[in-house]
PDB file of N, CA and C in Angstrom:
ATOM      1  N   MET A   1       9.220  11.553  10.600  1.00  0.00           N
ATOM      2  CA  MET A   1       9.826  10.691   9.858  1.00  0.00           C
ATOM      3  C   MET A   1       8.853   9.688   9.087  1.00  0.00           C
ATOM      4  N   LYS A   2       8.700   9.158   7.938  1.00  0.00           N
ATOM      5  CA  LYS A   2       7.305   8.717   7.376  1.00  0.00           C
ATOM      6  C   LYS A   2       8.782   7.035   7.297  1.00  0.00           C
ATOM      7  N   THR A   3       7.991   6.020   7.417  1.00  0.00           N
ATOM      8  CA  THR A   3       8.087   4.842   7.567  1.00  0.00           C
ATOM      9  C   THR A   3       7.981   4.236   5.904  1.00  0.00           C
ATOM     10  N   SER A   4       9.038   3.406   5.341  1.00  0.00           N
ATOM     11  CA  SER A   4       8.885   3.416   3.515  1.00  0.00           C
ATOM     12  C   SER A   4       8.329   2.205   3.588  1.00  0.00           C
ATOM     13  N   ALA A   5       7.287   2.246   2.360  1.00  0.00           N
ATOM     14  CA  ALA A   5       5.850   0.547   2.350  1.00  0.00           C
ATOM     15  C   ALA A   5       5.892   1.013   1.135  1.00  0.00           C
ATOM     16  N   THR A   6       6.370  -0.750   0.589  1.00  0.00           N
ATOM     17  CA  THR A   6       5.976  -0.917  -0.953  1.00  0.00           C
ATOM     18  C   THR A   6       4.843  -2.257  -1.018  1.00  0.00           C
ATOM     19  N   PHE A   7       4.102  -1.742  -1.915  1.00  0.00           N
ATOM     20  CA  PHE A   7       3.110  -2.311  -2.416  1.00  0.00           C
ATOM     21  C   PHE A   7       3.444  -3.191  -3.534  1.00  0.00           C
ATOM     22  N   TYR A   8       3.499  -4.603  -3.916  1.00  0.00           N
ATOM     23  CA  TYR A   8       4.031  -5.399  -4.975  1.00  0.00           C
ATOM     24  C   TYR A   8       3.282  -5.878  -5.553  1.00  0.00           C
ATOM     25  N   HIS A   9       2.300  -5.751  -6.686  1.00  0.00           N
ATOM     26  CA  HIS A   9       0.947  -6.611  -7.300  1.00  0.00           C
ATOM     27  C   HIS A   9       1.136  -6.583  -8.393  1.00  0.00           C
ATOM     28  N   ALA A  10       0.441  -7.513  -9.199  1.00  0.00           N
ATOM     29  CA  ALA A  10       0.185  -8.256 -10.276  1.00  0.00           C
ATOM     30  C   ALA A  10      -0.940  -7.409 -12.080  1.00  0.00           C
ATOM     31  N   GLY A  11      -1.421  -6.627 -10.668  1.00  0.00           N
ATOM     32  CA  GLY A  11      -2.885  -6.281 -11.524  1.00  0.00           C
ATOM     33  C   GLY A  11      -4.140  -6.846 -11.452  1.00  0.00           C
ATOM     34  N   CYS A  12      -3.825  -8.311 -11.241  1.00  0.00           N
ATOM     35  CA  CYS A  12      -5.454  -8.826 -10.832  1.00  0.00           C
ATOM     36  C   CYS A  12      -6.024  -9.128  -9.703  1.00  0.00           C
ATOM     37  N   PRO A  13      -7.597  -8.871 -10.308  1.00  0.00           N
ATOM     38  CA  PRO A  13      -8.489  -9.092  -9.331  1.00  0.00           C
ATOM     39  C   PRO A  13      -8.383  -8.849  -7.678  1.00  0.00           C
ATOM     40  N   VAL A  14      -7.735  -9.354  -7.454  1.00  0.00           N
ATOM     41  CA  VAL A  14      -7.554  -9.662  -5.808  1.00  0.00           C
ATOM     42  C   VAL A  14      -6.454  -8.608  -5.593  1.00  0.00           C
ATOM     43  N   CYS A  15      -5.301  -8.078  -6.088  1.00  0.00           N
ATOM     44  CA  CYS A  15      -4.437  -7.089  -6.355  1.00  0.00           C
ATOM     45  C   CYS A  15      -5.385  -5.886  -6.326  1.00  0.00           C
ATOM     46  N   ILE A  16      -6.060  -5.778  -7.270  1.00  0.00           N
ATOM     47  CA  ILE A  16      -6.806  -4.448  -7.634  1.00  0.00           C
ATOM     48  C   ILE A  16      -7.265  -3.841  -5.877  1.00  0.00           C
ATOM     49  N   ALA A  17      -8.490  -5.133  -5.179  1.00  0.00           N
ATOM     50  CA  ALA A  17      -9.185  -5.135  -4.286  1.00  0.00           C
ATOM     51  C   ALA A  17      -8.166  -4.540  -3.064  1.00  0.00           C
ATOM     52  N   ALA A  18      -6.940  -5.196  -2.966  1.00  0.00           N
ATOM     53  CA  ALA A  18      -5.936  -4.844  -1.646  1.00  0.00           C
ATOM     54  C   ALA A  18      -5.101  -3.587  -1.710  1.00  0.00           C
ATOM     55  N   GLU A  19      -5.117  -3.492  -3.043  1.00  0.00           N
ATOM     56  CA  GLU A  19      -4.602  -2.169  -3.554  1.00  0.00           C
ATOM     57  C   GLU A  19      -5.741  -0.922  -3.084  1.00  0.00           C
ATOM     58  N   GLN A  20      -6.786  -0.991  -3.610  1.00  0.00           N
ATOM     59  CA  GLN A  20      -8.030  -0.166  -3.049  1.00  0.00           C
ATOM     60  C   GLN A  20      -7.977  -0.170  -1.185  1.00  0.00           C
ATOM     61  N   GLN A  21      -7.654  -1.172  -0.785  1.00  0.00           N
ATOM     62  CA  GLN A  21      -8.326  -0.972   0.863  1.00  0.00           C
ATOM     63  C   GLN A  21      -6.767  -0.050   1.193  1.00  0.00           C
ATOM     64  N   LEU A  22      -5.968  -0.875   0.725  1.00  0.00           N
ATOM     65  CA  LEU A  22      -5.036  -0.419   1.681  1.00  0.00           C
ATOM     66  C   LEU A  22      -4.399   1.807   1.264  1.00  0.00           C
ATOM     67  N   ALA A  23      -5.481   1.831  -0.058  1.00  0.00           N
ATOM     68  CA  ALA A  23      -5.217   2.921   0.041  1.00  0.00           C
ATOM     69  C   ALA A  23      -5.923   3.999   0.981  1.00  0.00           C
ATOM     70  N   ASP A  24      -6.981   3.659   1.302  1.00  0.00           N
ATOM     71  CA  ASP A  24      -7.962   3.291   2.659  1.00  0.00           C
ATOM     72  C   ASP A  24      -7.254   3.427   4.092  1.00  0.00           C
ATOM     73  N   ALA A  25      -6.570   2.791   3.837  1.00  0.00           N
ATOM     74  CA  ALA A  25      -6.014   2.330   5.353  1.00  0.00           C
ATOM     75  C   ALA A  25      -5.066   3.048   5.506  1.00  0.00           C
ATOM     76  N   ILE A  26      -4.141   2.732   5.023  1.00  0.00           N
ATOM     77  CA  ILE A  26      -2.397   3.723   5.442  1.00  0.00           C
ATOM     78  C   ILE A  26      -2.619   5.348   5.239  1.00  0.00           C
ATOM     79  N   ASP A  27      -2.059   5.522   7.022  1.00  0.00           N
ATOM     80  CA  ASP A  27      -2.628   6.694   6.805  1.00  0.00           C
ATOM     81  C   ASP A  27      -0.799   7.066   6.433  1.00  0.00           C
ATOM     82  N   PRO A  28      -1.445   8.400   5.350  1.00  0.00           N
ATOM     83  CA  PRO A  28       0.052   9.038   4.502  1.00  0.00           C
ATOM     84  C   PRO A  28       1.053  10.063   5.087  1.00  0.00           C
ATOM     85  N   ALA A  29       0.543  10.380   6.284  1.00  0.00           N
ATOM     86  CA  ALA A  29       1.060  10.821   7.507  1.00  0.00           C
ATOM     87  C   ALA A  29       2.416   9.967   7.997  1.00  0.00           C
ATOM     88  N   ARG A  30       2.251   8.636   7.749  1.00  0.00           N
ATOM     89  CA  ARG A  30       3.071   7.998   8.400  1.00  0.00           C
ATOM     90  C   ARG A  30       3.800   7.112   7.400  1.00  0.00           C
ATOM     91  N   PHE A  31       3.428   6.769   6.543  1.00  0.00           N
ATOM     92  CA  PHE A  31       3.624   6.166   5.440  1.00  0.00           C
ATOM     93  C   PHE A  31       4.044   7.140   4.359  1.00  0.00           C
ATOM     94  N   ASP A  32       5.060   6.389   3.847  1.00  0.00           N
ATOM     95  CA  ASP A  32       5.658   7.091   2.185  1.00  0.00           C
ATOM     96  C   ASP A  32       5.507   5.710   1.406  1.00  0.00           C
ATOM     97  N   LEU A  33       3.893   5.356   0.903  1.00  0.00           N
ATOM     98  CA  LEU A  33       3.828   4.157   0.289  1.00  0.00           C
ATOM     99  C   LEU A  33       3.954   4.223  -1.202  1.00  0.00           C
ATOM    100  N   GLU A  34       4.794   3.320  -2.238  1.00  0.00           N
ATOM    101  CA  GLU A  34       4.627   3.500  -3.639  1.00  0.00           C
ATOM    102  C   GLU A  34       4.405   2.252  -3.542  1.00  0.00           C
ATOM    103  N   VAL A  35       3.663   2.270  -5.065  1.00  0.00           N
ATOM    104  CA  VAL A  35       3.014   0.748  -5.084  1.00  0.00           C
ATOM    105  C   VAL A  35       3.945  -0.011  -6.633  1.00  0.00           C
ATOM    106  N   VAL A  36       3.858  -0.738  -6.794  1.00  0.00           N
ATOM    107  CA  VAL A  36       4.747  -1.578  -7.938  1.00  0.00           C
ATOM    108  C   VAL A  36       3.490  -2.443  -8.176  1.00  0.00           C
ATOM    109  N   HIS A  37       3.368  -2.229  -9.730  1.00  0.00           N
ATOM    110  CA  HIS A  37       2.821  -3.161 -10.520  1.00  0.00           C
ATOM    111  C   HIS A  37       3.621  -4.024 -11.091  1.00  0.00           C
ATOM    112  N   LEU A  38       3.851  -5.489 -10.769  1.00  0.00           N
ATOM    113  CA  LEU A  38       5.312  -6.365 -11.310  1.00  0.00           C
ATOM    114  C   LEU A  38       4.847  -6.739 -12.486  1.00  0.00           C
ATOM    115  N   GLY A  39       3.637  -6.812 -13.051  1.00  0.00           N
ATOM    116  CA  GLY A  39       3.468  -7.011 -14.374  1.00  0.00           C
ATOM    117  C   GLY A  39       3.879  -5.950 -15.634  1.00  0.00           C
ATOM    118  N   GLU A  40       3.509  -4.625 -14.805  1.00  0.00           N
ATOM    119  CA  GLU A  40       4.135  -3.825 -16.124  1.00  0.00           C
ATOM    120  C   GLU A  40       5.753  -3.375 -15.835  1.00  0.00           C
ATOM    121  N   ALA A  41       6.314  -3.900 -14.276  1.00  0.00           N
ATOM    122  CA  ALA A  41       7.453  -3.178 -14.333  1.00  0.00           C
ATOM    123  C   ALA A  41       8.543  -4.595 -13.684  1.00  0.00           C
ATOM    124  N   LYS A  42       8.849  -5.761 -14.712  1.00  0.00           N
ATOM    125  CA  LYS A  42       9.252  -6.619 -14.049  1.00  0.00           C
ATOM    126  C   LYS A  42      11.114  -6.419 -14.416  1.00  0.00           C
ATOM    127  N   ALA A  43      11.272  -5.871 -14.659  1.00  0.00           N
ATOM    128  CA  ALA A  43      12.722  -4.968 -14.353  1.00  0.00           C
ATOM    129  C   ALA A  43      13.078  -5.424 -12.532  1.00  0.00           C
ATOM    130  N   ARG A  44      11.280  -5.343 -11.844  1.00  0.00           N
ATOM    131  CA  ARG A  44      11.430  -4.457 -10.048  1.00  0.00           C
ATOM    132  C   ARG A  44      11.212  -6.465  -9.566  1.00  0.00           C
ATOM    133  N   ILE A  45      10.606  -7.414 -10.300  1.00  0.00           N
ATOM    134  CA  ILE A  45      11.173  -8.711  -9.732  1.00  0.00           C
ATOM    135  C   ILE A  45      12.195  -8.863  -8.916  1.00  0.00           C
ATOM    136  N   PRO A  46      13.550  -8.974  -9.161  1.00  0.00           N
ATOM    137  CA  PRO A  46      14.125  -9.464  -8.714  1.00  0.00           C
ATOM    138  C   PRO A  46      14.496  -8.697  -7.505  1.00  0.00           C
ATOM    139  N   GLU A  47      14.213  -7.273  -7.160  1.00  0.00           N
ATOM    140  CA  GLU A  47      13.551  -6.369  -5.502  1.00  0.00           C
ATOM    141  C   GLU A  47      13.119  -7.134  -5.106  1.00  0.00           C
ATOM    142  N   ALA A  48      11.594  -7.203  -5.905  1.00  0.00           N
ATOM    143  CA  ALA A  48      10.704  -7.924  -4.514  1.00  0.00           C
ATOM    144  C   ALA A  48      11.043  -9.285  -4.221  1.00  0.00           C
ATOM    145  N   GLU A  49      11.407 -10.280  -4.737  1.00  0.00           N
ATOM    146  CA  GLU A  49      12.280 -11.381  -4.520  1.00  0.00           C
ATOM    147  C   GLU A  49      13.491 -11.090  -2.796  1.00  0.00           C
ATOM    148  N   ALA A  50      13.971  -9.994  -3.461  1.00  0.00           N
ATOM    149  CA  ALA A  50      15.219  -9.790  -2.176  1.00  0.00           C
ATOM    150  C   ALA A  50      14.283  -9.560  -0.991  1.00  0.00           C
ATOM    151  N   VAL A  51      13.583  -8.829  -0.827  1.00  0.00           N
ATOM    152  CA  VAL A  51      12.657  -8.314   0.465  1.00  0.00           C
ATOM    153  C   VAL A  51      11.836  -9.305   0.881  1.00  0.00           C
ATOM    154  N   GLY A  52      12.088 -10.822   0.019  1.00  0.00           N
ATOM    155  CA  GLY A  52      11.092 -12.126   0.277  1.00  0.00           C
ATOM    156  C   GLY A  52       9.176 -12.127  -0.002  1.00  0.00           C
ATOM    157  N   VAL A  53       9.503 -11.172  -1.156  1.00  0.00           N
ATOM    158  CA  VAL A  53       8.416 -11.243  -1.320  1.00  0.00           C
ATOM    159  C   VAL A  53       7.819 -12.641  -2.531  1.00  0.00           C
ATOM    160  N   LYS A  54       7.111 -13.652  -2.341  1.00  0.00           N
ATOM    161  CA  LYS A  54       7.015 -14.890  -2.414  1.00  0.00           C
ATOM    162  C   LYS A  54       5.887 -15.394  -3.614  1.00  0.00           C
ATOM    163  N   SER A  55       4.672 -14.089  -3.732  1.00  0.00           N
ATOM    164  CA  SER A  55       3.296 -14.251  -3.953  1.00  0.00           C
ATOM    165  C   SER A  55       2.994 -12.718  -3.984  1.00  0.00           C
ATOM    166  N   VAL A  56       2.039 -12.313  -4.746  1.00  0.00           N
ATOM    167  CA  VAL A  56       1.621 -10.516  -5.069  1.00  0.00           C
ATOM    168  C   VAL A  56       0.174 -11.239  -4.721  1.00  0.00           C
ATOM    169  N   PRO A  57      -0.650 -10.037  -4.171  1.00  0.00           N
ATOM    170  CA  PRO A  57      -0.209  -8.779  -3.166  1.00  0.00           C
ATOM    171  C   PRO A  57       0.035  -8.996  -2.068  1.00  0.00           C
ATOM    172  N   ALA A  58       1.690  -8.131  -2.359  1.00  0.00           N
ATOM    173  CA  ALA A  58       2.619  -8.282  -0.613  1.00  0.00           C
ATOM    174  C   ALA A  58       3.068  -6.355  -0.282  1.00  0.00           C
ATOM    175  N   LEU A  59       2.895  -6.770   1.060  1.00  0.00           N
ATOM    176  CA  LEU A  59       3.463  -5.352   1.051  1.00  0.00           C
ATOM    177  C   LEU A  59       4.745  -4.882   2.002  1.00  0.00           C
ATOM    178  N   VAL A  60       5.548  -4.645   1.521  1.00  0.00           N
ATOM    179  CA  VAL A  60       6.690  -4.793   2.687  1.00  0.00           C
ATOM    180  C   VAL A  60       6.744  -3.168   3.327  1.00  0.00           C
ATOM    181  N   ILE A  61       6.848  -3.345   4.737  1.00  0.00           N
ATOM    182  CA  ILE A  61       7.379  -2.371   5.033  1.00  0.00           C
ATOM    183  C   ILE A  61       8.095  -2.162   6.273  1.00  0.00           C
ATOM    184  N   ALA A  62       9.120  -1.221   6.096  1.00  0.00           N
ATOM    185  CA  ALA A  62      10.434  -0.702   6.691  1.00  0.00           C
ATOM    186  C   ALA A  62      10.913  -2.647   6.660  1.00  0.00           C
ATOM    187  N   GLY A  63      10.924  -3.166   5.501  1.00  0.00           N
ATOM    188  CA  GLY A  63      12.061  -4.286   5.406  1.00  0.00           C
ATOM    189  C   GLY A  63      11.252  -5.420   5.469  1.00  0.00           C
ATOM    190  N   GLN A  64       9.939  -5.506   6.437  1.00  0.00           N
ATOM    191  CA  GLN A  64       8.952  -6.816   6.785  1.00  0.00           C
ATOM    192  C   GLN A  64       7.520  -6.975   5.898  1.00  0.00           C
ATOM    193  N   THR A  65       7.820  -8.315   5.098  1.00  0.00           N
ATOM    194  CA  THR A  65       7.027  -7.937   4.333  1.00  0.00           C
ATOM    195  C   THR A  65       6.162  -8.940   4.486  1.00  0.00           C
ATOM    196  N   PHE A  66       4.949  -8.617   4.431  1.00  0.00           N
ATOM    197  CA  PHE A  66       3.435  -9.004   4.196  1.00  0.00           C
ATOM    198  C   PHE A  66       2.870  -9.058   2.967  1.00  0.00           C
ATOM    199  N   HIS A  67       2.220 -11.102   3.368  1.00  0.00           N
ATOM    200  CA  HIS A  67       1.395 -11.450   2.196  1.00  0.00           C
ATOM    201  C   HIS A  67       0.112 -11.214   2.141  1.00  0.00           C
ATOM    202  N   ILE A  68      -0.783 -10.891   1.546  1.00  0.00           N
ATOM    203  CA  ILE A  68      -2.000 -10.576   1.183  1.00  0.00           C
ATOM    204  C   ILE A  68      -2.457 -11.460   0.301  1.00  0.00           C
ATOM    205  N   ASN A  69      -3.102 -12.411   1.292  1.00  0.00           N
ATOM    206  CA  ASN A  69      -4.132 -13.352   0.425  1.00  0.00           C
ATOM    207  C   ASN A  69      -2.913 -13.856  -1.110  1.00  0.00           C
ATOM    208  N   PHE A  70      -3.734 -14.400  -1.745  1.00  0.00           N
ATOM    209  CA  PHE A  70      -3.196 -15.030  -2.884  1.00  0.00           C
ATOM    210  C   PHE A  70      -3.513 -14.121  -3.858  1.00  0.00           C
ATOM    211  N   GLY A  71      -2.759 -13.768  -4.481  1.00  0.00           N
ATOM    212  CA  GLY A  71      -3.224 -13.563  -6.493  1.00  0.00           C
ATOM    213  C   GLY A  71      -2.534 -14.348  -7.791  1.00  0.00           C
ATOM    214  N   ALA A  72      -0.587 -14.491  -7.160  1.00  0.00           N
ATOM    215  CA  ALA A  72      -0.158 -14.954  -8.452  1.00  0.00           C
ATOM    216  C   ALA A  72       1.237 -15.238  -7.337  1.00  0.00           C
ATOM    217  N   ALA A  73       1.982 -16.294  -7.838  1.00  0.00           N
ATOM    218  CA  ALA A  73       2.719 -16.424  -7.370  1.00  0.00           C
ATOM    219  C   ALA A  73       4.028 -15.571  -8.220  1.00  0.00           C
ATOM    220  N   ILE A  74       5.417 -15.653  -7.244  1.00  0.00           N
ATOM    221  CA  ILE A  74       5.703 -13.917  -7.985  1.00  0.00           C
ATOM    222  C   ILE A  74       6.816 -15.302  -9.246  1.00  0.00           C
ATOM    223  N   ALA A  75       6.869 -16.262  -9.132  1.00  0.00           N
ATOM    224  CA  ALA A  75       7.621 -17.606 -10.416  1.00  0.00           C
ATOM    225  C   ALA A  75       6.726 -17.377 -11.652  1.00  0.00           C
ATOM    226  N   ASP A  76       5.251 -16.881 -11.728  1.00  0.00           N
ATOM    227  CA  ASP A  76       4.588 -16.815 -12.404  1.00  0.00           C
ATOM    228  C   ASP A  76       4.599 -15.539 -13.739  1.00  0.00           C
ATOM    229  N   LEU A  77       5.272 -14.223 -12.626  1.00  0.00           N
ATOM    230  CA  LEU A  77       5.249 -13.095 -13.079  1.00  0.00           C
ATOM    231  C   LEU A  77       6.575 -13.183 -14.132  1.00  0.00           C
ATOM    232  N   LYS A  78       7.164 -13.706 -13.762  1.00  0.00           N
ATOM    233  CA  LYS A  78       8.742 -13.556 -14.293  1.00  0.00           C
ATOM    234  C   LYS A  78       8.588 -14.367 -16.379  1.00  0.00           C
TER     235      LYS A  78
END
């Protein structure tokens, strides 16, 4: 059974670099990865906040949030 993972980002250079690194690092046999561009999918910002995303890029794996570097605060995306 695959573990769910969601990568939230805003399309900034830091976010794009992190997305490219994740694409190479995440094993698709183990993880079901969804990439969410919050700049384009603003309706999903409350969802990201609910799982603890405070800034992007951020990766949520099985409900645990990991902040990667700092591209933008979630408040800046609203």
